[in-house]
Structure formats: C-alpha cells, structure tokens
Amino acid sequence: MRANYHTTMHSLNLLCHLAFLFPLLADSWITTTRPTGPSIQAAPGRQSVSLLSKSKQSPYEGNPPAFNDGTITELNGIHRIFALSDIHSDHKDNQKWLHEKVKERDFNDKDLLIVAGDISHDMETFEKSLAILREKSSHVLFVPGNHEGWVDRRHKPNSTSFDKLSEIYQACWDMGVHTKSLLVRGDDPKNCPHPLWVVPLESWYDGSLSFREELCRDFEHWPWVDFIRCHWTPDFPTGPIGTPDARQPMGLVDYFLKQNEPMLANNPFPSMFTPDGPDPLSTGIVTVSHFLPNLQSLPDWKDLEATEFDDAWFDHGAGGMSAKFAKVAGSSKLDDQIRTLLPADKDDKRRLIHVFGHSHRPKDFEYKGIRYIHNPLGKPRERALYMVSPKVDFQLIWDTRTGEIEGKRVLRLWEEQGGGLEALDKRLKTVNPKGRYNKHKGSAFNRQANTTTTTPTT
C-alpha cells in the first residue's frame, strides 16, 4: 500500500511539472476576430529595425521573390554549417544567451548558421535576433516556425498568418538572411570536396503523428496558443469540433508542401557530376523544417524499429500531454516529401540530413537512410531541468572540407544524459518550486491525469 502511494504521488508530481516536456506556456496571447485575407505573397517594403545597417549586411534590394519559384542561391567560400532551433529570444535569458554565444564563438563569413524556426513572434525581437546572428558576417538560413505565424493586435484588422509570414520573409530579405534553397560550396573543389545542397521546407501540422487518440478526447479544449493567434484564410477551415481533426487547419500542410515542390525539383547536383566535378558520394543534402516529420522524431519515441507507440514510454507520467502534442507536432507527409530526395540507387551513399525544431526535445538519430537532428535552445527552465542540455550550443553538422560531422545519438536527452526520472524529480524540487507548474496539487491533477493541462500552451 505504501509503495503504491509513493508511486502514485511520484507520478502526480512529475505530471504536475512535466508539462515542461513540451514547448508550453505562452508569455502573452491575445484573442482577435478570425480574419480573412490573401494567400501568402511578398509583403511591400517595410522599415527594418535591424541593429546593423542594410547596406552592411544585406546583399539584396527590393522585395524577395515568391517563396515557391525554385530559386537556388550559390553560396561559395563556406566551410562550416551549424544548426540550431527554437531560440525564443522573447525570453531575456535566451536573448542574452544568443548574444554571448555569438560573441564567444569564432563565427565568420565562411560559416552558415541554420535556424529551424521559432525565433520570436514579435517583429522587433525577431529582427534584433537576426542582427545578432549576423554580427560576425556569418550567413544565416531561416525557416519560419509556428511562432512566426502569430498575429496580434498590432497587425492590421483582418491580417492573416500568411500576411505575418510574408512580413517575416521580407525582414529576412532586408537583412540578407536566406530563406531559399542554397548550393553551398567551399573555397575550391580540391580543398573543399564536399558541397552541400540546403533545402528549407515549409510545413505545418495535421494530426497525422497522433498515436493515442483516446488520450485526446478533450483536445478541442486544449489551450494550444496557435489555435488563438494563428489566423488562416477561409481556404483552410478548422476541423469540426468533436472529431479527431478538431481545430486543425484543414489542407494547410498540403498547401505548404506544394510550395516546396519547385525547390525540390531543382536539384543542382546532377549537372555538377562531370569528370571535373565533385564525387557524388562526397556531396550531401540538408533539408530543414520547423515541424516534425515522423513518429520517430516525437519527444517520447524510444525504439526506432517500433511501428507503434509503447505505453511504457509514458514512465514520466505526462502521457496525456505527450499524446496531445503529437497532434500538433508535424506531419508524416513532410517525411514523404523529404524521402523523394533519397538516391534511387541503393548503392549511392550520398548523405541526407533533416534538421527540424518545434518540440524542444533534442534528437539526433538515423532512420531508414536519413539522419534527423533537432538541436533546440528551448526555454530557460527546460535547460535547468535538463530537458534541453544546459550546455546547448550551435551544432556543427557539416564541413565542406571534411563532410558530415557525426554526433552522439540522442532520443530522450533527459533520460540518457540527464540522469533519468530520479534526477529529474530532484531538479523539479529546486528549479522554481513555486512556479506556475507547481501550483496544481493532488486531486485536480489526479482527475486530469493523462487527459489535459490547465496551462496555456504554445
């Protein structure tokens, strides 16, 4: 009896705190009338608030071309390619981390920094963060996340998330930040024989990664902030209440994947494979999205060979939260699209790497011919709890001089490197023990176990 009591209380305590298993808690959220508007397009010119002058850091003029025009930019003289996501510089600690990390690193104009979404929903903060990333003349490639699609009262009436994404793309263009396909090469083919094709991919979520619908019966009441602050056109209505598709923007994933097709069809490598060109086996492809592409990339998925979710992986006690997040995590259709880039010849060992963001739970694993990498900065408390490594840094993933940079396999960081449940439980008692995630006690969470959370989510 005593053992069962302690086991139950341990699970409830973890459930209370492990709301932080996922990127929860919006710092602010505003309900506005659901607007309508045009499809995504280049926004008109706007005044940049960058910390660096446009003439110093942007090679571009005017407005960016349409996202889906298949443009490839040749980026020569690059040595190192790094990856990071989910900077969330709305948090002062994160903006401080970003400024200090860029200052201490030896970044230069031979580096490419890939950022897989969620810098900030606020345009001024977003642009300041881009300016920090470009302080040392490093090249930056950015793919928008769900936070970049948030609309608030500062936007014009009837503005949509498409309008907001256009504003994001315009800001990137103004500041010389890449948002389109890149052919990355080094100084010369002899010393840098490992060129890289980098392909940014737009996407969203559609519930296709859901694995326990029975734990999502009240999903329509789950306070996921995208449901409040993202506003799409009438072409993408939300699923009916009472169905598994409730509140999901129907058809949005298909729309975004369609936008990716011209870039995916414009593979630069075949024309390069001449007698004087690079060895095909020395080249690589890096695709980049914010959203998750498959079940294996979900925070709690532990066995890469498993075809179904094992409830034993809910040992942390937050099964309901895990199941709900899966519905807004990404789309299996994204993985299908990425896999069209795998070489048809099984003997072709050319590397394909996918960089993603969104879950705030680090991943680095190989699955059916593709390496998947999620290297988030996350939120300060997540680092304190070791949900994200306290020593997180820009991850070096490729060098045009040597090729792919191998990394340590990661599936559940807090378990594999953070000491597991016992260590996590100890940290929960010391990391802001009076915080908002600790205020729910006893029967309230017992009634809601594995079903819902009362905390607004993002």
Protein backbone atom coordinates (compact mmCIF):
# COMPACT_ATOMS: atom_id res chain seq x y z
CA MET A 1 0.00 0.00 0.00
CA ARG A 2 2.77 2.41 0.94
CA ALA A 3 4.71 1.57 -2.23
CA ASN A 4 1.61 2.22 -4.38
CA TYR A 5 1.01 5.53 -2.59
CA HIS A 6 4.55 6.73 -3.21
CA THR A 7 4.42 5.56 -6.83
CA THR A 8 1.15 7.45 -7.36
CA MET A 9 2.42 10.64 -5.71
CA HIS A 10 5.65 10.42 -7.71
CA SER A 11 3.67 10.19 -10.96
CA LEU A 12 1.41 13.06 -9.95
CA ASN A 13 4.39 15.22 -9.03
CA LEU A 14 6.03 14.50 -12.39
CA LEU A 15 2.79 15.11 -14.23
CA CYS A 16 2.46 18.42 -12.44
CA HIS A 17 5.90 19.53 -13.51
CA LEU A 18 6.44 17.67 -16.74
CA ALA A 19 4.09 19.96 -18.55
CA PHE A 20 7.54 21.19 -19.48
CA LEU A 21 8.06 18.04 -21.53
CA PHE A 22 6.83 20.16 -24.41
CA PRO A 23 7.13 23.80 -25.53
CA LEU A 24 4.30 25.06 -23.38
CA LEU A 25 3.32 28.39 -21.90
CA ALA A 26 2.81 31.46 -23.99
CA ASP A 27 4.15 34.62 -22.42
CA SER A 28 1.22 36.54 -23.85
CA TRP A 29 -1.74 35.63 -26.00
CA ILE A 30 -4.48 37.80 -27.42
CA THR A 31 -7.80 36.69 -28.87
CA THR A 32 -8.78 38.51 -32.03
CA THR A 33 -11.60 38.18 -34.54
CA ARG A 34 -10.82 35.48 -37.06
CA PRO A 35 -9.72 37.37 -40.18
CA THR A 36 -9.63 36.55 -43.88
CA GLY A 37 -7.11 37.66 -46.43
CA PRO A 38 -4.99 36.80 -49.44
CA SER A 39 -2.65 33.86 -49.89
CA ILE A 40 0.99 34.27 -48.96
CA GLN A 41 2.98 36.67 -51.12
CA ALA A 42 5.86 39.07 -50.82
CA ALA A 43 4.96 41.91 -48.48
CA PRO A 44 5.56 45.52 -49.53
CA GLY A 45 8.79 47.16 -48.44
CA ARG A 46 8.99 47.93 -44.73
CA GLN A 47 11.30 49.83 -42.45
CA SER A 48 13.81 47.46 -40.87
CA VAL A 49 14.76 47.92 -37.22
CA SER A 50 17.93 45.88 -37.59
CA LEU A 51 20.91 46.67 -35.40
CA LEU A 52 23.15 46.68 -38.46
CA SER A 53 22.72 48.87 -41.49
CA LYS A 54 21.09 47.27 -44.51
CA SER A 55 23.99 48.26 -46.73
CA LYS A 56 26.40 46.41 -44.46
CA GLN A 57 24.58 43.12 -44.06
CA SER A 58 22.16 42.61 -46.94
CA PRO A 59 23.22 41.76 -50.49
CA TYR A 60 19.61 42.14 -51.61
CA GLU A 61 17.49 45.07 -52.75
CA GLY A 62 13.75 45.45 -53.13
CA ASN A 63 11.28 42.68 -52.34
CA PRO A 64 12.02 38.94 -52.15
CA PRO A 65 10.84 36.72 -55.00
CA ALA A 66 7.96 34.34 -54.32
CA PHE A 67 8.92 31.53 -51.97
CA ASN A 68 7.96 28.81 -54.45
CA ASP A 69 9.91 29.99 -57.52
CA GLY A 70 12.59 27.28 -57.20
CA THR A 71 15.44 29.77 -56.84
CA ILE A 72 18.81 28.35 -55.77
CA THR A 73 21.46 30.69 -54.41
CA GLU A 74 25.07 29.65 -54.83
CA LEU A 75 26.97 30.24 -51.61
CA ASN A 76 30.69 29.87 -52.21
CA GLY A 77 33.59 30.01 -49.78
CA ILE A 78 31.68 28.27 -46.96
CA HIS A 79 33.43 25.83 -44.64
CA ARG A 80 31.18 25.09 -41.65
CA ILE A 81 27.42 24.54 -41.39
CA PHE A 82 25.74 24.74 -37.97
CA ALA A 83 22.18 24.03 -36.80
CA LEU A 84 20.01 25.47 -34.02
CA SER A 85 16.29 25.94 -33.48
CA ASP A 86 13.72 27.39 -31.10
CA ILE A 87 15.77 30.36 -29.92
CA HIS A 88 12.69 32.05 -28.41
CA SER A 89 14.51 35.28 -27.80
CA ASP A 90 11.36 36.78 -26.22
CA HIS A 91 12.93 35.33 -23.08
CA LYS A 92 15.61 37.71 -21.83
CA ASP A 93 17.83 34.83 -20.77
CA ASN A 94 17.66 33.43 -24.30
CA GLN A 95 18.50 36.74 -25.93
CA LYS A 96 21.42 37.06 -23.52
CA TRP A 97 22.50 33.50 -24.39
CA LEU A 98 22.35 34.30 -28.10
CA HIS A 99 24.36 37.50 -27.78
CA GLU A 100 27.03 35.91 -25.58
CA LYS A 101 27.24 32.69 -27.62
CA VAL A 102 27.73 34.52 -30.92
CA LYS A 103 30.30 36.77 -29.24
CA GLU A 104 32.35 33.86 -27.86
CA ARG A 105 32.24 31.69 -30.98
CA ASP A 106 34.69 32.19 -33.85
CA PHE A 107 31.95 32.63 -36.43
CA ASN A 108 32.89 34.36 -39.68
CA ASP A 109 31.82 34.75 -43.30
CA LYS A 110 32.81 31.14 -44.03
CA ASP A 111 30.05 29.84 -41.75
CA LEU A 112 26.38 29.09 -42.43
CA LEU A 113 24.03 29.07 -39.42
CA ILE A 114 20.77 27.17 -39.99
CA VAL A 115 17.92 28.20 -37.68
CA ALA A 116 14.90 25.89 -37.84
CA GLY A 117 12.16 28.25 -36.69
CA ASP A 118 10.74 29.95 -33.61
CA ILE A 119 12.99 32.94 -33.03
CA SER A 120 10.13 35.19 -31.95
CA HIS A 121 6.55 36.18 -32.73
CA ASP A 122 7.46 39.84 -32.18
CA MET A 123 8.94 41.51 -35.28
CA GLU A 124 11.32 43.84 -33.43
CA THR A 125 12.69 40.98 -31.32
CA PHE A 126 12.88 38.79 -34.42
CA GLU A 127 14.95 41.34 -36.33
CA LYS A 128 17.24 42.09 -33.40
CA SER A 129 17.93 38.36 -33.10
CA LEU A 130 18.73 38.09 -36.80
CA ALA A 131 21.12 41.02 -36.41
CA ILE A 132 22.90 39.22 -33.56
CA LEU A 133 23.19 36.06 -35.67
CA ARG A 134 24.77 38.14 -38.45
CA GLU A 135 27.12 40.17 -36.23
CA LYS A 136 30.22 38.34 -37.44
CA SER A 137 29.12 38.31 -41.09
CA SER A 138 28.02 34.67 -40.85
CA HIS A 139 25.47 33.55 -43.39
CA VAL A 140 22.09 32.59 -41.91
CA LEU A 141 19.31 30.41 -43.31
CA PHE A 142 15.95 30.62 -41.55
CA VAL A 143 12.75 28.57 -41.81
CA PRO A 144 9.70 30.06 -40.02
CA GLY A 145 8.10 28.24 -37.11
CA ASN A 146 4.60 28.43 -35.71
CA HIS A 147 5.51 31.42 -33.51
CA GLU A 148 6.42 33.44 -36.58
CA GLY A 149 2.84 32.94 -37.78
CA TRP A 150 1.25 34.52 -34.71
CA VAL A 151 -0.93 37.59 -35.32
CA ASP A 152 -1.83 40.12 -32.62
CA ARG A 153 -3.50 43.50 -32.16
CA ARG A 154 -0.52 45.34 -33.60
CA HIS A 155 -1.37 43.97 -37.02
CA LYS A 156 -3.94 45.47 -39.34
CA PRO A 157 -7.55 44.26 -38.99
CA ASN A 158 -8.17 41.08 -40.96
CA SER A 159 -4.45 40.28 -41.16
CA THR A 160 -3.75 36.58 -41.55
CA SER A 161 -0.83 34.38 -40.62
CA PHE A 162 0.05 34.37 -44.32
CA ASP A 163 0.49 38.14 -44.08
CA LYS A 164 2.66 37.69 -41.00
CA LEU A 165 4.84 35.10 -42.74
CA SER A 166 5.24 37.48 -45.67
CA GLU A 167 6.45 40.09 -43.18
CA ILE A 168 8.91 37.55 -41.78
CA TYR A 169 10.26 36.74 -45.24
CA GLN A 170 10.57 40.43 -46.08
CA ALA A 171 12.56 41.05 -42.88
CA CYS A 172 14.88 38.16 -43.75
CA TRP A 173 15.36 39.56 -47.25
CA ASP A 174 16.09 43.04 -45.91
CA MET A 175 18.75 41.65 -43.60
CA GLY A 176 20.41 39.26 -46.02
CA VAL A 177 19.08 36.13 -44.30
CA HIS A 178 18.50 33.21 -46.66
CA THR A 179 15.09 31.56 -46.85
CA LYS A 180 15.53 29.67 -50.14
CA SER A 181 17.49 26.73 -51.43
CA LEU A 182 21.28 27.05 -51.21
CA LEU A 183 24.10 25.33 -53.06
CA VAL A 184 26.91 25.55 -50.50
CA ARG A 185 30.49 25.13 -51.63
CA GLY A 186 33.91 25.80 -50.19
CA ASP A 187 36.87 27.81 -51.47
CA ASP A 188 37.92 25.31 -54.13
CA PRO A 189 36.94 21.73 -55.08
CA LYS A 190 40.33 20.28 -54.14
CA ASN A 191 40.40 21.51 -50.54
CA CYS A 192 36.62 21.53 -50.08
CA PRO A 193 35.34 18.43 -51.92
CA HIS A 194 32.04 18.16 -50.02
CA PRO A 195 29.41 20.56 -51.41
CA LEU A 196 26.01 20.67 -49.77
CA TRP A 197 22.50 21.39 -51.03
CA VAL A 198 20.41 23.02 -48.30
CA VAL A 199 16.64 22.96 -48.83
CA PRO A 200 14.29 24.88 -46.49
CA LEU A 201 10.82 23.32 -46.32
CA GLU A 202 7.59 24.95 -45.22
CA SER A 203 5.06 22.83 -43.35
CA TRP A 204 2.52 22.74 -40.53
CA TYR A 205 0.74 20.01 -38.56
CA ASP A 206 -2.25 17.88 -39.43
CA GLY A 207 -2.65 15.30 -36.65
CA SER A 208 -1.04 12.54 -38.70
CA LEU A 209 1.58 11.92 -35.97
CA SER A 210 -1.10 11.23 -33.37
CA PHE A 211 -0.62 7.86 -31.64
CA ARG A 212 -3.21 7.75 -28.79
CA GLU A 213 -6.49 9.38 -29.76
CA GLU A 214 -8.14 8.03 -26.61
CA LEU A 215 -5.91 10.40 -24.61
CA CYS A 216 -7.02 13.36 -26.73
CA ARG A 217 -10.77 13.27 -26.21
CA ASP A 218 -10.75 16.85 -24.89
CA PHE A 219 -8.23 18.09 -27.46
CA GLU A 220 -10.67 20.73 -28.71
CA HIS A 221 -10.39 22.44 -25.31
CA TRP A 222 -6.61 22.18 -25.07
CA PRO A 223 -5.19 25.75 -24.83
CA TRP A 224 -2.64 25.46 -27.64
CA VAL A 225 -1.83 29.09 -28.44
CA ASP A 226 -1.65 28.58 -32.22
CA PHE A 227 -5.41 27.98 -32.11
CA ILE A 228 -5.81 31.53 -30.82
CA ARG A 229 -3.06 33.51 -32.51
CA CYS A 230 -2.73 31.88 -35.94
CA HIS A 231 -5.38 33.01 -38.43
CA TRP A 232 -5.62 31.43 -41.86
CA THR A 233 -7.80 32.26 -44.84
CA PRO A 234 -11.20 30.58 -45.36
CA ASP A 235 -9.49 28.15 -47.76
CA PHE A 236 -8.21 26.32 -44.65
CA PRO A 237 -11.14 25.82 -42.25
CA THR A 238 -10.56 24.07 -38.97
CA GLY A 239 -11.80 20.54 -38.41
CA PRO A 240 -15.22 20.11 -36.79
CA ILE A 241 -15.45 20.04 -33.01
CA GLY A 242 -15.93 16.51 -31.73
CA THR A 243 -13.76 14.92 -34.42
CA PRO A 244 -10.06 13.94 -34.32
CA ASP A 245 -9.40 16.88 -36.69
CA ALA A 246 -10.92 19.44 -34.34
CA ARG A 247 -9.17 22.83 -34.57
CA GLN A 248 -6.66 21.58 -37.15
CA PRO A 249 -6.39 23.89 -40.21
CA MET A 250 -7.55 21.50 -42.90
CA GLY A 251 -5.41 21.38 -46.04
CA LEU A 252 -2.70 23.68 -44.71
CA VAL A 253 0.04 21.04 -44.75
CA ASP A 254 -0.78 20.17 -48.36
CA TYR A 255 -0.63 23.86 -49.28
CA PHE A 256 2.81 24.35 -47.74
CA LEU A 257 4.22 21.15 -49.20
CA LYS A 258 3.03 22.30 -52.61
CA GLN A 259 5.08 25.47 -52.09
CA ASN A 260 8.17 23.29 -51.58
CA GLU A 261 7.89 21.40 -54.86
CA PRO A 262 9.69 23.85 -57.21
CA MET A 263 12.76 23.87 -54.96
CA LEU A 264 12.79 20.09 -54.59
CA ALA A 265 12.54 19.70 -58.35
CA ASN A 266 15.54 21.96 -58.95
CA ASN A 267 18.27 19.61 -57.74
CA PRO A 268 21.62 21.28 -58.57
CA PHE A 269 23.78 18.17 -58.22
CA PRO A 270 23.19 16.17 -61.44
CA SER A 271 24.57 18.97 -63.62
CA MET A 272 27.67 19.11 -61.39
CA PHE A 273 28.57 15.44 -61.71
CA THR A 274 31.01 15.82 -64.58
CA PRO A 275 34.53 14.35 -64.84
CA ASP A 276 35.84 17.59 -63.38
CA GLY A 277 33.07 17.90 -60.78
CA PRO A 278 32.69 16.51 -57.25
CA ASP A 279 32.36 12.82 -56.46
CA PRO A 280 28.60 12.21 -55.99
CA LEU A 281 29.33 10.24 -52.82
CA SER A 282 31.06 13.26 -51.29
CA THR A 283 28.02 15.51 -51.57
CA GLY A 284 25.21 15.96 -49.10
CA ILE A 285 21.67 17.27 -48.82
CA VAL A 286 20.29 19.03 -45.74
CA THR A 287 16.55 19.64 -45.62
CA VAL A 288 15.23 21.99 -42.95
CA SER A 289 11.77 22.32 -41.42
CA HIS A 290 10.41 23.60 -38.17
CA PHE A 291 7.83 20.85 -37.76
CA LEU A 292 8.42 17.18 -37.03
CA PRO A 293 8.37 14.76 -39.97
CA ASN A 294 7.63 11.37 -38.41
CA LEU A 295 6.68 9.40 -35.31
CA GLN A 296 10.32 8.64 -34.55
CA SER A 297 11.04 12.34 -34.05
CA LEU A 298 8.39 12.70 -31.32
CA PRO A 299 9.79 13.51 -27.85
CA ASP A 300 8.86 10.18 -26.24
CA TRP A 301 9.58 7.78 -29.09
CA LYS A 302 12.33 5.46 -27.86
CA ASP A 303 12.50 2.45 -30.19
CA LEU A 304 13.25 3.42 -33.78
CA GLU A 305 12.27 -0.03 -35.01
CA ALA A 306 8.85 0.06 -33.34
CA THR A 307 5.82 0.69 -35.54
CA GLU A 308 3.52 1.56 -32.64
CA PHE A 309 3.89 3.63 -29.51
CA ASP A 310 4.67 1.68 -26.34
CA ASP A 311 2.81 2.94 -23.26
CA ALA A 312 5.86 2.02 -21.17
CA TRP A 313 7.45 5.15 -22.66
CA PHE A 314 4.98 7.17 -20.56
CA ASP A 315 7.12 6.46 -17.50
CA HIS A 316 7.36 10.20 -16.82
CA GLY A 317 3.64 10.41 -16.02
CA ALA A 318 2.62 13.00 -18.64
CA GLY A 319 1.03 10.72 -21.21
CA GLY A 320 -1.89 13.00 -22.00
CA MET A 321 0.40 15.90 -22.70
CA SER A 322 2.60 13.75 -24.92
CA ALA A 323 -0.39 12.47 -26.89
CA LYS A 324 -1.84 15.95 -27.43
CA PHE A 325 1.47 17.42 -28.55
CA ALA A 326 1.76 14.70 -31.19
CA LYS A 327 -1.37 16.09 -32.86
CA VAL A 328 0.29 19.49 -33.34
CA ALA A 329 3.85 18.23 -33.84
CA GLY A 330 4.06 17.97 -37.61
CA SER A 331 3.06 15.71 -40.47
CA SER A 332 4.07 12.36 -41.92
CA LYS A 333 3.52 13.92 -45.35
CA LEU A 334 6.60 16.05 -44.73
CA ASP A 335 8.72 12.92 -44.33
CA ASP A 336 7.26 11.52 -47.54
CA GLN A 337 8.37 14.67 -49.32
CA ILE A 338 11.85 14.60 -47.81
CA ARG A 339 12.31 10.97 -48.87
CA THR A 340 11.83 11.86 -52.51
CA LEU A 341 15.41 13.15 -52.29
CA LEU A 342 16.87 9.80 -51.30
CA PRO A 343 19.01 8.36 -54.12
CA ALA A 344 17.18 5.78 -56.21
CA ASP A 345 20.34 3.69 -56.34
CA LYS A 346 20.71 1.84 -53.04
CA ASP A 347 24.47 1.80 -53.51
CA ASP A 348 24.52 5.60 -53.61
CA LYS A 349 25.69 6.56 -50.13
CA ARG A 350 25.18 10.31 -50.52
CA ARG A 351 24.11 11.75 -47.18
CA LEU A 352 20.65 13.14 -46.47
CA ILE A 353 20.19 15.01 -43.20
CA HIS A 354 16.98 16.58 -41.94
CA VAL A 355 17.14 19.41 -39.41
CA PHE A 356 13.93 20.26 -37.55
CA GLY A 357 12.63 22.14 -34.49
CA HIS A 358 9.41 22.65 -32.51
CA SER A 359 9.40 20.01 -29.77
CA HIS A 360 12.22 21.45 -27.62
CA ARG A 361 13.43 17.89 -27.04
CA PRO A 362 16.83 17.24 -28.66
CA LYS A 363 17.15 14.42 -31.17
CA ASP A 364 19.98 13.02 -33.27
CA PHE A 365 19.37 9.63 -34.87
CA GLU A 366 19.50 7.68 -38.11
CA TYR A 367 16.29 6.21 -39.52
CA LYS A 368 15.91 4.47 -42.87
CA GLY A 369 18.70 6.30 -44.62
CA ILE A 370 18.16 9.77 -43.16
CA ARG A 371 19.81 11.42 -40.19
CA TYR A 372 17.39 13.54 -38.14
CA ILE A 373 18.70 16.40 -35.97
CA HIS A 374 16.82 18.62 -33.51
CA ASN A 375 19.08 21.00 -31.58
CA PRO A 376 16.84 23.47 -29.69
CA LEU A 377 17.81 26.25 -27.34
CA GLY A 378 14.37 25.92 -25.77
CA LYS A 379 13.32 27.88 -22.72
CA PRO A 380 15.43 28.67 -19.65
CA ARG A 381 13.55 26.33 -17.33
CA GLU A 382 13.83 23.49 -19.82
CA ARG A 383 17.59 23.83 -19.70
CA ALA A 384 17.52 23.94 -15.91
CA LEU A 385 15.53 20.69 -15.89
CA TYR A 386 17.86 19.09 -18.48
CA MET A 387 15.00 18.67 -20.94
CA VAL A 388 17.42 20.62 -23.13
CA SER A 389 21.13 20.43 -22.43
CA PRO A 390 22.32 23.26 -20.16
CA LYS A 391 25.40 23.31 -22.43
CA VAL A 392 23.44 23.66 -25.66
CA ASP A 393 25.40 25.26 -28.49
CA PHE A 394 25.22 25.69 -32.25
CA GLN A 395 25.69 22.15 -33.56
CA LEU A 396 28.24 21.65 -36.30
CA ILE A 397 26.68 19.22 -38.80
CA TRP A 398 28.76 19.60 -42.00
CA ASP A 399 32.09 20.92 -43.22
CA THR A 400 32.76 21.32 -46.93
CA ARG A 401 36.37 20.29 -46.27
CA THR A 402 35.61 17.01 -44.50
CA GLY A 403 31.91 16.25 -45.00
CA GLU A 404 29.34 15.23 -42.40
CA ILE A 405 30.13 15.84 -38.72
CA GLU A 406 28.93 12.89 -36.68
CA GLY A 407 27.01 13.47 -33.45
CA LYS A 408 26.11 11.45 -30.39
CA ARG A 409 22.83 9.58 -30.74
CA VAL A 410 20.02 11.27 -28.79
CA LEU A 411 16.44 10.07 -28.33
CA ARG A 412 15.47 11.27 -24.83
CA LEU A 413 18.16 13.58 -23.53
CA TRP A 414 16.77 13.97 -20.01
CA GLU A 415 16.86 10.19 -19.62
CA GLU A 416 20.10 9.39 -21.46
CA GLN A 417 22.28 12.28 -20.31
CA GLY A 418 20.27 13.96 -17.56
CA GLY A 419 20.12 11.12 -15.04
CA GLY A 420 16.59 9.86 -15.74
CA LEU A 421 13.47 10.15 -13.58
CA GLU A 422 15.23 10.26 -10.22
CA ALA A 423 17.50 13.12 -11.22
CA LEU A 424 14.60 14.92 -12.89
CA ASP A 425 12.49 14.63 -9.75
CA LYS A 426 15.28 16.22 -7.71
CA ARG A 427 15.64 19.09 -10.15
CA LEU A 428 11.89 19.70 -10.09
CA LYS A 429 12.11 20.35 -6.35
CA THR A 430 14.77 23.02 -6.75
CA VAL A 431 14.02 24.72 -10.07
CA ASN A 432 11.45 27.40 -9.28
CA PRO A 433 9.46 25.16 -6.90
CA LYS A 434 6.79 27.86 -6.52
CA GLY A 435 6.39 28.37 -10.24
CA ARG A 436 3.12 28.08 -12.14
CA TYR A 437 3.78 24.43 -12.95
CA ASN A 438 4.00 23.55 -9.29
CA LYS A 439 0.80 25.16 -8.11
CA HIS A 440 -1.54 22.34 -9.16
CA LYS A 441 -1.82 19.70 -6.46
CA GLY A 442 -3.49 16.43 -5.62
CA SER A 443 -6.94 15.52 -6.83
CA ALA A 444 -7.10 18.16 -9.57
CA PHE A 445 -4.28 16.52 -11.41
CA ASN A 446 -5.47 13.08 -10.42
CA ARG A 447 -8.73 13.78 -12.24
CA GLN A 448 -6.86 15.15 -15.24
CA ALA A 449 -4.08 12.59 -15.38
CA ASN A 450 -3.23 11.69 -18.96
CA THR A 451 -6.03 13.87 -20.33
CA THR A 452 -5.36 17.59 -20.16
CA THR A 453 -3.45 20.50 -18.74
CA THR A 454 -4.76 23.77 -17.36
CA THR A 455 -1.76 25.72 -18.57
CA PRO A 456 -1.89 27.69 -21.84
CA THR A 457 0.38 26.00 -24.36
CA THR A 458 2.49 27.21 -27.22
